[in-house]
Amino acid sequence: MSLLHSPDGHIDRKVLLAVAGAIRSIENVTGTIVEYNIGYSDAQDLHHIMRRLWAILETNGYTIDTDTNRLRRVTP
């Protein structure tokens, strides 16, 4: 299921898990980003992508638990 075809207000859990996995993967890379010698434009793109990925989780009521590194529903 793509995000474009998801009904408003609901994204399939498989997609949310994939987003969480992408965030974890990118965060692993950004821990040593200096080694990659990326330019300013690439760094801006990376920052934008991370904001968009987090927005997908947050607008659907999820976060990544920092203790367990797992997807967790946010209680209102």
PDB file of N, CA and C in Angstrom:
ATOM      1  N   MET A   1       0.847  -1.170   0.000  1.00  0.00           N
ATOM      2  CA  MET A   1       0.000   0.000   0.000  1.00  0.00           C
ATOM      3  C   MET A   1       0.894   1.236   0.000  1.00  0.00           C
ATOM      4  N   SER A   2       0.709   2.103  -0.956  1.00  0.00           N
ATOM      5  CA  SER A   2       1.515   3.319  -0.982  1.00  0.00           C
ATOM      6  C   SER A   2       0.833   4.391  -0.159  1.00  0.00           C
ATOM      7  N   LEU A   3       1.609   5.383   0.272  1.00  0.00           N
ATOM      8  CA  LEU A   3       1.040   6.472   1.049  1.00  0.00           C
ATOM      9  C   LEU A   3       0.042   7.266   0.230  1.00  0.00           C
ATOM     10  N   LEU A   4       0.244   7.354  -1.083  1.00  0.00           N
ATOM     11  CA  LEU A   4      -0.672   8.101  -1.937  1.00  0.00           C
ATOM     12  C   LEU A   4      -2.057   7.475  -1.974  1.00  0.00           C
ATOM     13  N   HIS A   5      -2.131   6.167  -1.852  1.00  0.00           N
ATOM     14  CA  HIS A   5      -3.399   5.475  -1.961  1.00  0.00           C
ATOM     15  C   HIS A   5      -3.993   5.092  -0.613  1.00  0.00           C
ATOM     16  N   SER A   6      -3.385   5.524   0.484  1.00  0.00           N
ATOM     17  CA  SER A   6      -3.921   5.229   1.804  1.00  0.00           C
ATOM     18  C   SER A   6      -5.110   6.133   2.084  1.00  0.00           C
ATOM     19  N   PRO A   7      -6.132   5.608   2.740  1.00  0.00           N
ATOM     20  CA  PRO A   7      -7.260   6.465   3.097  1.00  0.00           C
ATOM     21  C   PRO A   7      -6.818   7.543   4.084  1.00  0.00           C
ATOM     22  N   ASP A   8      -7.439   8.711   4.034  1.00  0.00           N
ATOM     23  CA  ASP A   8      -7.103   9.790   4.963  1.00  0.00           C
ATOM     24  C   ASP A   8      -7.276   9.320   6.395  1.00  0.00           C
ATOM     25  N   GLY A   9      -6.312   9.664   7.234  1.00  0.00           N
ATOM     26  CA  GLY A   9      -6.414   9.337   8.647  1.00  0.00           C
ATOM     27  C   GLY A   9      -5.993   7.920   8.999  1.00  0.00           C
ATOM     28  N   HIS A  10      -5.605   7.116   8.016  1.00  0.00           N
ATOM     29  CA  HIS A  10      -5.190   5.754   8.318  1.00  0.00           C
ATOM     30  C   HIS A  10      -4.108   5.311   7.338  1.00  0.00           C
ATOM     31  N   ILE A  11      -3.014   4.829   7.880  1.00  0.00           N
ATOM     32  CA  ILE A  11      -1.962   4.234   7.067  1.00  0.00           C
ATOM     33  C   ILE A  11      -1.740   2.832   7.614  1.00  0.00           C
ATOM     34  N   ASP A  12      -1.651   1.881   6.750  1.00  0.00           N
ATOM     35  CA  ASP A  12      -1.470   0.482   7.118  1.00  0.00           C
ATOM     36  C   ASP A  12      -0.255   0.320   8.044  1.00  0.00           C
ATOM     37  N   ARG A  13      -0.378  -0.557   9.032  1.00  0.00           N
ATOM     38  CA  ARG A  13       0.703  -0.768   9.995  1.00  0.00           C
ATOM     39  C   ARG A  13       2.001  -1.210   9.324  1.00  0.00           C
ATOM     40  N   LYS A  14       1.894  -1.974   8.245  1.00  0.00           N
ATOM     41  CA  LYS A  14       3.106  -2.392   7.524  1.00  0.00           C
ATOM     42  C   LYS A  14       3.872  -1.173   7.021  1.00  0.00           C
ATOM     43  N   VAL A  15       3.143  -0.173   6.553  1.00  0.00           N
ATOM     44  CA  VAL A  15       3.786   1.058   6.069  1.00  0.00           C
ATOM     45  C   VAL A  15       4.428   1.788   7.239  1.00  0.00           C
ATOM     46  N   LEU A  16       3.716   1.879   8.363  1.00  0.00           N
ATOM     47  CA  LEU A  16       4.270   2.541   9.540  1.00  0.00           C
ATOM     48  C   LEU A  16       5.540   1.832  10.027  1.00  0.00           C
ATOM     49  N   LEU A  17       5.534   0.511  10.007  1.00  0.00           N
ATOM     50  CA  LEU A  17       6.734  -0.232  10.405  1.00  0.00           C
ATOM     51  C   LEU A  17       7.888   0.025   9.432  1.00  0.00           C
ATOM     52  N   ALA A  18       7.577   0.128   8.149  1.00  0.00           N
ATOM     53  CA  ALA A  18       8.614   0.432   7.154  1.00  0.00           C
ATOM     54  C   ALA A  18       9.181   1.832   7.372  1.00  0.00           C
ATOM     55  N   VAL A  19       8.318   2.782   7.691  1.00  0.00           N
ATOM     56  CA  VAL A  19       8.771   4.151   7.976  1.00  0.00           C
ATOM     57  C   VAL A  19       9.684   4.154   9.196  1.00  0.00           C
ATOM     58  N   ALA A  20       9.272   3.447  10.249  1.00  0.00           N
ATOM     59  CA  ALA A  20      10.105   3.367  11.454  1.00  0.00           C
ATOM     60  C   ALA A  20      11.457   2.735  11.130  1.00  0.00           C
ATOM     61  N   GLY A  21      11.449   1.696  10.313  1.00  0.00           N
ATOM     62  CA  GLY A  21      12.703   1.063   9.902  1.00  0.00           C
ATOM     63  C   GLY A  21      13.588   2.006   9.113  1.00  0.00           C
ATOM     64  N   ALA A  22      12.978   2.810   8.258  1.00  0.00           N
ATOM     65  CA  ALA A  22      13.748   3.786   7.478  1.00  0.00           C
ATOM     66  C   ALA A  22      14.378   4.824   8.391  1.00  0.00           C
ATOM     67  N   ILE A  23      13.618   5.289   9.380  1.00  0.00           N
ATOM     68  CA  ILE A  23      14.156   6.272  10.328  1.00  0.00           C
ATOM     69  C   ILE A  23      15.350   5.678  11.066  1.00  0.00           C
ATOM     70  N   ARG A  24      15.204   4.452  11.542  1.00  0.00           N
ATOM     71  CA  ARG A  24      16.313   3.812  12.257  1.00  0.00           C
ATOM     72  C   ARG A  24      17.548   3.674  11.368  1.00  0.00           C
ATOM     73  N   SER A  25      17.335   3.282  10.117  1.00  0.00           N
ATOM     74  CA  SER A  25      18.462   3.122   9.185  1.00  0.00           C
ATOM     75  C   SER A  25      19.165   4.436   8.921  1.00  0.00           C
ATOM     76  N   ILE A  26      18.379   5.477   8.683  1.00  0.00           N
ATOM     77  CA  ILE A  26      18.976   6.788   8.413  1.00  0.00           C
ATOM     78  C   ILE A  26      19.698   7.303   9.648  1.00  0.00           C
ATOM     79  N   GLU A  27      19.129   7.095  10.831  1.00  0.00           N
ATOM     80  CA  GLU A  27      19.790   7.549  12.050  1.00  0.00           C
ATOM     81  C   GLU A  27      21.112   6.823  12.261  1.00  0.00           C
ATOM     82  N   ASN A  28      21.195   5.567  11.848  1.00  0.00           N
ATOM     83  CA  ASN A  28      22.471   4.848  11.938  1.00  0.00           C
ATOM     84  C   ASN A  28      23.519   5.499  11.050  1.00  0.00           C
ATOM     85  N   VAL A  29      23.116   5.938   9.873  1.00  0.00           N
ATOM     86  CA  VAL A  29      24.037   6.603   8.954  1.00  0.00           C
ATOM     87  C   VAL A  29      24.422   7.972   9.480  1.00  0.00           C
ATOM     88  N   THR A  30      23.441   8.735   9.988  1.00  0.00           N
ATOM     89  CA  THR A  30      23.732  10.102  10.412  1.00  0.00           C
ATOM     90  C   THR A  30      24.647  10.153  11.621  1.00  0.00           C
ATOM     91  N   GLY A  31      24.754   9.051  12.348  1.00  0.00           N
ATOM     92  CA  GLY A  31      25.680   9.034  13.471  1.00  0.00           C
ATOM     93  C   GLY A  31      27.116   9.214  13.016  1.00  0.00           C
ATOM     94  N   THR A  32      27.421   8.841  11.764  1.00  0.00           N
ATOM     95  CA  THR A  32      28.774   8.967  11.231  1.00  0.00           C
ATOM     96  C   THR A  32      28.755   9.720   9.896  1.00  0.00           C
ATOM     97  N   ILE A  33      27.885  10.710   9.787  1.00  0.00           N
ATOM     98  CA  ILE A  33      27.669  11.399   8.518  1.00  0.00           C
ATOM     99  C   ILE A  33      28.931  12.077   7.980  1.00  0.00           C
ATOM    100  N   VAL A  34      29.850  12.459   8.858  1.00  0.00           N
ATOM    101  CA  VAL A  34      31.086  13.118   8.418  1.00  0.00           C
ATOM    102  C   VAL A  34      31.880  12.219   7.482  1.00  0.00           C
ATOM    103  N   GLU A  35      31.830  10.911   7.710  1.00  0.00           N
ATOM    104  CA  GLU A  35      32.568   9.968   6.872  1.00  0.00           C
ATOM    105  C   GLU A  35      32.081   9.969   5.429  1.00  0.00           C
ATOM    106  N   TYR A  36      30.839  10.386   5.203  1.00  0.00           N
ATOM    107  CA  TYR A  36      30.266  10.327   3.869  1.00  0.00           C
ATOM    108  C   TYR A  36      30.573  11.560   3.040  1.00  0.00           C
ATOM    109  N   ASN A  37      31.087  12.614   3.667  1.00  0.00           N
ATOM    110  CA  ASN A  37      31.508  13.835   2.983  1.00  0.00           C
ATOM    111  C   ASN A  37      30.419  14.349   2.030  1.00  0.00           C
ATOM    112  N   ILE A  38      29.194  14.494   2.557  1.00  0.00           N
ATOM    113  CA  ILE A  38      28.094  14.980   1.728  1.00  0.00           C
ATOM    114  C   ILE A  38      28.083  16.497   1.720  1.00  0.00           C
ATOM    115  N   GLY A  39      27.520  17.052   0.683  1.00  0.00           N
ATOM    116  CA  GLY A  39      27.443  18.495   0.556  1.00  0.00           C
ATOM    117  C   GLY A  39      26.257  19.068   1.309  1.00  0.00           C
ATOM    118  N   TYR A  40      26.170  20.389   1.294  1.00  0.00           N
ATOM    119  CA  TYR A  40      25.106  21.105   1.994  1.00  0.00           C
ATOM    120  C   TYR A  40      23.735  20.699   1.464  1.00  0.00           C
ATOM    121  N   SER A  41      23.592  20.598   0.160  1.00  0.00           N
ATOM    122  CA  SER A  41      22.315  20.245  -0.450  1.00  0.00           C
ATOM    123  C   SER A  41      21.867  18.850  -0.024  1.00  0.00           C
ATOM    124  N   ASP A  42      22.790  17.906  -0.008  1.00  0.00           N
ATOM    125  CA  ASP A  42      22.460  16.547   0.423  1.00  0.00           C
ATOM    126  C   ASP A  42      22.071  16.520   1.897  1.00  0.00           C
ATOM    127  N   ALA A  43      22.753  17.294   2.721  1.00  0.00           N
ATOM    128  CA  ALA A  43      22.423  17.356   4.140  1.00  0.00           C
ATOM    129  C   ALA A  43      21.025  17.935   4.332  1.00  0.00           C
ATOM    130  N   GLN A  44      20.676  18.939   3.536  1.00  0.00           N
ATOM    131  CA  GLN A  44      19.331  19.526   3.591  1.00  0.00           C
ATOM    132  C   GLN A  44      18.283  18.490   3.185  1.00  0.00           C
ATOM    133  N   ASP A  45      18.561  17.742   2.125  1.00  0.00           N
ATOM    134  CA  ASP A  45      17.636  16.695   1.679  1.00  0.00           C
ATOM    135  C   ASP A  45      17.438  15.645   2.772  1.00  0.00           C
ATOM    136  N   LEU A  46      18.522  15.239   3.403  1.00  0.00           N
ATOM    137  CA  LEU A  46      18.449  14.246   4.468  1.00  0.00           C
ATOM    138  C   LEU A  46      17.594  14.762   5.627  1.00  0.00           C
ATOM    139  N   HIS A  47      17.797  16.009   5.995  1.00  0.00           N
ATOM    140  CA  HIS A  47      17.016  16.612   7.078  1.00  0.00           C
ATOM    141  C   HIS A  47      15.533  16.661   6.706  1.00  0.00           C
ATOM    142  N   HIS A  48      15.228  17.039   5.471  1.00  0.00           N
ATOM    143  CA  HIS A  48      13.852  17.115   4.992  1.00  0.00           C
ATOM    144  C   HIS A  48      13.190  15.728   5.016  1.00  0.00           C
ATOM    145  N   ILE A  49      13.909  14.724   4.556  1.00  0.00           N
ATOM    146  CA  ILE A  49      13.389  13.361   4.539  1.00  0.00           C
ATOM    147  C   ILE A  49      13.075  12.885   5.957  1.00  0.00           C
ATOM    148  N   MET A  50      13.976  13.165   6.893  1.00  0.00           N
ATOM    149  CA  MET A  50      13.744  12.751   8.276  1.00  0.00           C
ATOM    150  C   MET A  50      12.505  13.434   8.846  1.00  0.00           C
ATOM    151  N   ARG A  51      12.326  14.712   8.558  1.00  0.00           N
ATOM    152  CA  ARG A  51      11.128  15.422   9.048  1.00  0.00           C
ATOM    153  C   ARG A  51       9.863  14.804   8.475  1.00  0.00           C
ATOM    154  N   ARG A  52       9.887  14.472   7.197  1.00  0.00           N
ATOM    155  CA  ARG A  52       8.706  13.880   6.553  1.00  0.00           C
ATOM    156  C   ARG A  52       8.394  12.493   7.124  1.00  0.00           C
ATOM    157  N   LEU A  53       9.427  11.685   7.337  1.00  0.00           N
ATOM    158  CA  LEU A  53       9.213  10.354   7.904  1.00  0.00           C
ATOM    159  C   LEU A  53       8.634  10.440   9.317  1.00  0.00           C
ATOM    160  N   TRP A  54       9.204  11.334  10.137  1.00  0.00           N
ATOM    161  CA  TRP A  54       8.667  11.505  11.493  1.00  0.00           C
ATOM    162  C   TRP A  54       7.237  12.006  11.444  1.00  0.00           C
ATOM    163  N   ALA A  55       6.921  12.876  10.501  1.00  0.00           N
ATOM    164  CA  ALA A  55       5.560  13.409  10.379  1.00  0.00           C
ATOM    165  C   ALA A  55       4.564  12.293  10.087  1.00  0.00           C
ATOM    166  N   ILE A  56       4.956  11.315   9.270  1.00  0.00           N
ATOM    167  CA  ILE A  56       4.071  10.188   8.967  1.00  0.00           C
ATOM    168  C   ILE A  56       3.724   9.440  10.252  1.00  0.00           C
ATOM    169  N   LEU A  57       4.734   9.169  11.079  1.00  0.00           N
ATOM    170  CA  LEU A  57       4.474   8.466  12.326  1.00  0.00           C
ATOM    171  C   LEU A  57       3.621   9.302  13.273  1.00  0.00           C
ATOM    172  N   GLU A  58       4.013  10.558  13.458  1.00  0.00           N
ATOM    173  CA  GLU A  58       3.347  11.401  14.441  1.00  0.00           C
ATOM    174  C   GLU A  58       1.894  11.688  14.077  1.00  0.00           C
ATOM    175  N   THR A  59       1.605  11.904  12.793  1.00  0.00           N
ATOM    176  CA  THR A  59       0.224  12.188  12.411  1.00  0.00           C
ATOM    177  C   THR A  59      -0.667  10.963  12.536  1.00  0.00           C
ATOM    178  N   ASN A  60      -0.057   9.795  12.642  1.00  0.00           N
ATOM    179  CA  ASN A  60      -0.821   8.567  12.842  1.00  0.00           C
ATOM    180  C   ASN A  60      -0.763   8.082  14.287  1.00  0.00           C
ATOM    181  N   GLY A  61      -0.223   8.931  15.182  1.00  0.00           N
ATOM    182  CA  GLY A  61      -0.230   8.620  16.609  1.00  0.00           C
ATOM    183  C   GLY A  61       0.838   7.658  17.073  1.00  0.00           C
ATOM    184  N   TYR A  62       1.963   7.610  16.379  1.00  0.00           N
ATOM    185  CA  TYR A  62       3.047   6.702  16.758  1.00  0.00           C
ATOM    186  C   TYR A  62       4.346   7.450  16.994  1.00  0.00           C
ATOM    187  N   THR A  63       5.238   6.800  17.700  1.00  0.00           N
ATOM    188  CA  THR A  63       6.599   7.279  17.885  1.00  0.00           C
ATOM    189  C   THR A  63       7.503   6.052  17.956  1.00  0.00           C
ATOM    190  N   ILE A  64       8.800   6.280  18.041  1.00  0.00           N
ATOM    191  CA  ILE A  64       9.741   5.181  18.241  1.00  0.00           C
ATOM    192  C   ILE A  64      10.229   5.270  19.674  1.00  0.00           C
ATOM    193  N   ASP A  65       9.976   4.220  20.440  1.00  0.00           N
ATOM    194  CA  ASP A  65      10.392   4.175  21.835  1.00  0.00           C
ATOM    195  C   ASP A  65      11.914   4.165  21.896  1.00  0.00           C
ATOM    196  N   THR A  66      12.507   5.117  22.607  1.00  0.00           N
ATOM    197  CA  THR A  66      13.967   5.224  22.647  1.00  0.00           C
ATOM    198  C   THR A  66      14.613   4.103  23.465  1.00  0.00           C
ATOM    199  N   ASP A  67      13.861   3.528  24.401  1.00  0.00           N
ATOM    200  CA  ASP A  67      14.427   2.442  25.209  1.00  0.00           C
ATOM    201  C   ASP A  67      14.468   1.123  24.449  1.00  0.00           C
ATOM    202  N   THR A  68      13.393   0.827  23.712  1.00  0.00           N
ATOM    203  CA  THR A  68      13.305  -0.464  23.025  1.00  0.00           C
ATOM    204  C   THR A  68      13.573  -0.362  21.527  1.00  0.00           C
ATOM    205  N   ASN A  69      13.602   0.872  20.983  1.00  0.00           N
ATOM    206  CA  ASN A  69      13.801   1.116  19.555  1.00  0.00           C
ATOM    207  C   ASN A  69      12.678   0.474  18.726  1.00  0.00           C
ATOM    208  N   ARG A  70      11.464   0.444  19.298  1.00  0.00           N
ATOM    209  CA  ARG A  70      10.315  -0.146  18.617  1.00  0.00           C
ATOM    210  C   ARG A  70       9.239   0.898  18.401  1.00  0.00           C
ATOM    211  N   LEU A  71       8.400   0.633  17.416  1.00  0.00           N
ATOM    212  CA  LEU A  71       7.252   1.490  17.125  1.00  0.00           C
ATOM    213  C   LEU A  71       6.270   1.396  18.298  1.00  0.00           C
ATOM    214  N   ARG A  72       5.816   2.562  18.777  1.00  0.00           N
ATOM    215  CA  ARG A  72       4.923   2.570  19.939  1.00  0.00           C
ATOM    216  C   ARG A  72       3.803   3.586  19.701  1.00  0.00           C
ATOM    217  N   ARG A  73       2.580   3.209  20.070  1.00  0.00           N
ATOM    218  CA  ARG A  73       1.421   4.096  19.977  1.00  0.00           C
ATOM    219  C   ARG A  73       1.556   5.156  21.064  1.00  0.00           C
ATOM    220  N   VAL A  74       1.334   6.407  20.697  1.00  0.00           N
ATOM    221  CA  VAL A  74       1.398   7.511  21.650  1.00  0.00           C
ATOM    222  C   VAL A  74       0.027   7.636  22.306  1.00  0.00           C
ATOM    223  N   THR A  75       0.022   7.666  23.636  1.00  0.00           N
ATOM    224  CA  THR A  75      -1.249   7.842  24.328  1.00  0.00           C
ATOM    225  C   THR A  75      -1.570   9.323  24.423  1.00  0.00           C
ATOM    226  N   PRO A  76      -2.840   9.678  24.122  1.00  0.00           N
ATOM    227  CA  PRO A  76      -3.207  11.098  24.139  1.00  0.00           C
ATOM    228  C   PRO A  76      -3.190  11.719  25.511  1.00  0.00           C
TER     229      PRO A  76
END
